Amino acid sequence: MSIEPYYPNLEAEFSRKGIKKKQIAEQLGISERAFSSKMTGKNDFWLSEAFAIYSLFTDVSFTDLFAHK
């Protein structure tokens, strides 16, 4: 049984651009565990974190990038 990502578009964009989640966590100044918790929807991204991530993706709208299931 496979678990679908909470932010499927964000997961896809990370993969498409070859961005490692560890890199994003470091850039945000949070642990990989904290980042994973946000990516699974257990915790929310702070707005500043979401905008920092969004700044890496100029070809996707903010709404589409952070759309969740």
N, C-alpha and C. Protein backbone atom coordinates (compact mmCIF):
# COMPACT_ATOMS: atom_id res chain seq x y z
N MET A 1 0.84 -1.19 0.00
CA MET A 1 0.00 0.00 0.00
C MET A 1 0.88 1.25 0.00
N SER A 2 0.68 2.11 -0.96
CA SER A 2 1.47 3.32 -1.11
C SER A 2 0.71 4.51 -0.54
N ILE A 3 1.44 5.38 0.15
CA ILE A 3 0.83 6.58 0.71
C ILE A 3 1.04 7.72 -0.29
N GLU A 4 -0.03 8.38 -0.66
CA GLU A 4 0.06 9.50 -1.59
C GLU A 4 0.60 10.73 -0.85
N PRO A 5 1.43 11.52 -1.51
CA PRO A 5 1.97 12.72 -0.85
C PRO A 5 0.86 13.74 -0.57
N TYR A 6 1.03 14.49 0.50
CA TYR A 6 0.07 15.52 0.87
C TYR A 6 0.14 16.70 -0.10
N TYR A 7 1.34 16.98 -0.59
CA TYR A 7 1.56 18.04 -1.58
C TYR A 7 2.10 17.40 -2.85
N PRO A 8 1.26 16.76 -3.66
CA PRO A 8 1.75 16.03 -4.82
C PRO A 8 2.46 16.91 -5.85
N ASN A 9 1.99 18.13 -6.07
CA ASN A 9 2.63 19.01 -7.05
C ASN A 9 4.01 19.45 -6.56
N LEU A 10 4.12 19.72 -5.29
CA LEU A 10 5.41 20.11 -4.72
C LEU A 10 6.39 18.96 -4.82
N GLU A 11 5.94 17.75 -4.50
CA GLU A 11 6.78 16.56 -4.64
C GLU A 11 7.26 16.41 -6.09
N ALA A 12 6.36 16.60 -7.03
CA ALA A 12 6.69 16.45 -8.45
C ALA A 12 7.71 17.49 -8.89
N GLU A 13 7.55 18.72 -8.42
CA GLU A 13 8.49 19.78 -8.80
C GLU A 13 9.87 19.54 -8.20
N PHE A 14 9.92 19.06 -6.96
CA PHE A 14 11.22 18.71 -6.37
C PHE A 14 11.91 17.68 -7.25
N SER A 15 11.17 16.67 -7.64
CA SER A 15 11.72 15.60 -8.46
C SER A 15 12.15 16.12 -9.83
N ARG A 16 11.31 16.91 -10.45
CA ARG A 16 11.59 17.46 -11.79
C ARG A 16 12.86 18.30 -11.81
N LYS A 17 13.07 19.06 -10.75
CA LYS A 17 14.24 19.94 -10.69
C LYS A 17 15.43 19.30 -9.99
N GLY A 18 15.26 18.06 -9.51
CA GLY A 18 16.36 17.37 -8.84
C GLY A 18 16.72 17.97 -7.50
N ILE A 19 15.75 18.55 -6.83
CA ILE A 19 15.98 19.17 -5.53
C ILE A 19 15.75 18.13 -4.44
N LYS A 20 16.71 17.99 -3.56
CA LYS A 20 16.60 17.05 -2.44
C LYS A 20 15.90 17.74 -1.27
N LYS A 21 15.06 16.99 -0.61
CA LYS A 21 14.32 17.56 0.53
C LYS A 21 15.26 18.01 1.63
N LYS A 22 16.40 17.32 1.77
CA LYS A 22 17.39 17.70 2.77
C LYS A 22 17.90 19.12 2.49
N GLN A 23 18.08 19.45 1.21
CA GLN A 23 18.55 20.79 0.84
C GLN A 23 17.53 21.86 1.25
N ILE A 24 16.27 21.56 1.03
CA ILE A 24 15.22 22.52 1.37
C ILE A 24 15.16 22.70 2.89
N ALA A 25 15.21 21.61 3.62
CA ALA A 25 15.19 21.68 5.08
C ALA A 25 16.33 22.55 5.59
N GLU A 26 17.52 22.34 5.04
CA GLU A 26 18.69 23.14 5.45
C GLU A 26 18.48 24.61 5.12
N GLN A 27 17.94 24.88 3.93
CA GLN A 27 17.70 26.26 3.52
C GLN A 27 16.68 26.93 4.45
N LEU A 28 15.70 26.17 4.91
CA LEU A 28 14.67 26.72 5.79
C LEU A 28 15.15 26.80 7.24
N GLY A 29 16.26 26.14 7.53
CA GLY A 29 16.78 26.15 8.90
C GLY A 29 16.02 25.24 9.84
N ILE A 30 15.45 24.15 9.27
CA ILE A 30 14.71 23.19 10.09
C ILE A 30 15.29 21.80 9.86
N SER A 31 14.96 20.89 10.75
CA SER A 31 15.46 19.52 10.61
C SER A 31 14.73 18.81 9.47
N GLU A 32 15.36 17.74 8.99
CA GLU A 32 14.71 16.93 7.96
C GLU A 32 13.41 16.35 8.49
N ARG A 33 13.41 15.99 9.76
CA ARG A 33 12.20 15.43 10.37
C ARG A 33 11.06 16.45 10.39
N ALA A 34 11.39 17.69 10.75
CA ALA A 34 10.38 18.76 10.76
C ALA A 34 9.86 19.01 9.35
N PHE A 35 10.77 19.01 8.37
CA PHE A 35 10.35 19.21 6.99
C PHE A 35 9.46 18.08 6.52
N SER A 36 9.82 16.86 6.85
CA SER A 36 9.02 15.70 6.48
C SER A 36 7.62 15.79 7.08
N SER A 37 7.55 16.25 8.31
CA SER A 37 6.27 16.40 8.98
C SER A 37 5.39 17.42 8.27
N LYS A 38 5.99 18.45 7.74
CA LYS A 38 5.24 19.46 6.98
C LYS A 38 4.81 18.91 5.63
N MET A 39 5.69 18.15 4.99
CA MET A 39 5.38 17.58 3.68
C MET A 39 4.27 16.53 3.74
N THR A 40 4.12 15.88 4.88
CA THR A 40 3.07 14.88 5.02
C THR A 40 1.76 15.48 5.54
N GLY A 41 1.77 16.78 5.84
CA GLY A 41 0.56 17.44 6.31
C GLY A 41 0.34 17.33 7.80
N LYS A 42 1.28 16.74 8.53
CA LYS A 42 1.13 16.63 9.98
C LYS A 42 1.29 17.99 10.65
N ASN A 43 2.13 18.82 10.07
CA ASN A 43 2.33 20.20 10.53
C ASN A 43 2.24 21.11 9.31
N ASP A 44 1.91 22.36 9.56
CA ASP A 44 1.78 23.33 8.48
C ASP A 44 3.09 24.05 8.22
N PHE A 45 3.28 24.48 6.98
CA PHE A 45 4.39 25.35 6.65
C PHE A 45 4.07 26.74 7.18
N TRP A 46 5.08 27.43 7.70
CA TRP A 46 4.94 28.84 7.99
C TRP A 46 4.87 29.56 6.65
N LEU A 47 4.22 30.68 6.60
CA LEU A 47 4.09 31.42 5.35
C LEU A 47 5.47 31.77 4.79
N SER A 48 6.39 32.16 5.66
CA SER A 48 7.74 32.50 5.21
C SER A 48 8.44 31.28 4.60
N GLU A 49 8.19 30.09 5.13
CA GLU A 49 8.76 28.86 4.57
C GLU A 49 8.16 28.57 3.20
N ALA A 50 6.85 28.72 3.10
CA ALA A 50 6.18 28.47 1.82
C ALA A 50 6.69 29.42 0.74
N PHE A 51 6.87 30.69 1.08
CA PHE A 51 7.38 31.65 0.09
C PHE A 51 8.83 31.37 -0.27
N ALA A 52 9.62 30.92 0.69
CA ALA A 52 11.01 30.56 0.39
C ALA A 52 11.06 29.40 -0.59
N ILE A 53 10.20 28.42 -0.40
CA ILE A 53 10.13 27.28 -1.32
C ILE A 53 9.61 27.74 -2.68
N TYR A 54 8.57 28.53 -2.66
CA TYR A 54 7.96 29.02 -3.90
C TYR A 54 8.96 29.80 -4.75
N SER A 55 9.87 30.50 -4.12
CA SER A 55 10.85 31.31 -4.88
C SER A 55 11.73 30.46 -5.78
N LEU A 56 11.79 29.15 -5.55
CA LEU A 56 12.58 28.24 -6.38
C LEU A 56 11.85 27.83 -7.65
N PHE A 57 10.55 28.10 -7.71
CA PHE A 57 9.73 27.62 -8.82
C PHE A 57 9.01 28.79 -9.49
N THR A 58 9.62 29.35 -10.51
CA THR A 58 9.05 30.52 -11.17
C THR A 58 7.99 30.17 -12.20
N ASP A 59 7.91 28.89 -12.58
CA ASP A 59 6.99 28.50 -13.64
C ASP A 59 5.72 27.81 -13.13
N VAL A 60 5.49 27.85 -11.82
CA VAL A 60 4.31 27.21 -11.22
C VAL A 60 3.66 28.23 -10.28
N SER A 61 2.34 28.30 -10.30
CA SER A 61 1.69 29.24 -9.39
C SER A 61 1.78 28.73 -7.95
N PHE A 62 1.75 29.66 -7.03
CA PHE A 62 1.81 29.33 -5.60
C PHE A 62 0.68 28.37 -5.24
N THR A 63 -0.52 28.67 -5.71
CA THR A 63 -1.69 27.85 -5.42
C THR A 63 -1.53 26.43 -5.95
N ASP A 64 -1.04 26.30 -7.17
CA ASP A 64 -0.83 24.97 -7.73
C ASP A 64 0.26 24.22 -7.00
N LEU A 65 1.35 24.90 -6.67
CA LEU A 65 2.48 24.28 -6.01
C LEU A 65 2.09 23.68 -4.66
N PHE A 66 1.29 24.43 -3.90
CA PHE A 66 0.92 23.98 -2.55
C PHE A 66 -0.48 23.38 -2.47
N ALA A 67 -1.04 23.01 -3.61
CA ALA A 67 -2.32 22.29 -3.59
C ALA A 67 -2.11 20.97 -2.87
N HIS A 68 -3.06 20.59 -2.05
CA HIS A 68 -2.92 19.33 -1.32
C HIS A 68 -4.14 18.48 -1.51
N LYS A 69 -3.95 17.23 -1.17
CA LYS A 69 -5.05 16.27 -1.37
C LYS A 69 -6.15 16.47 -0.38
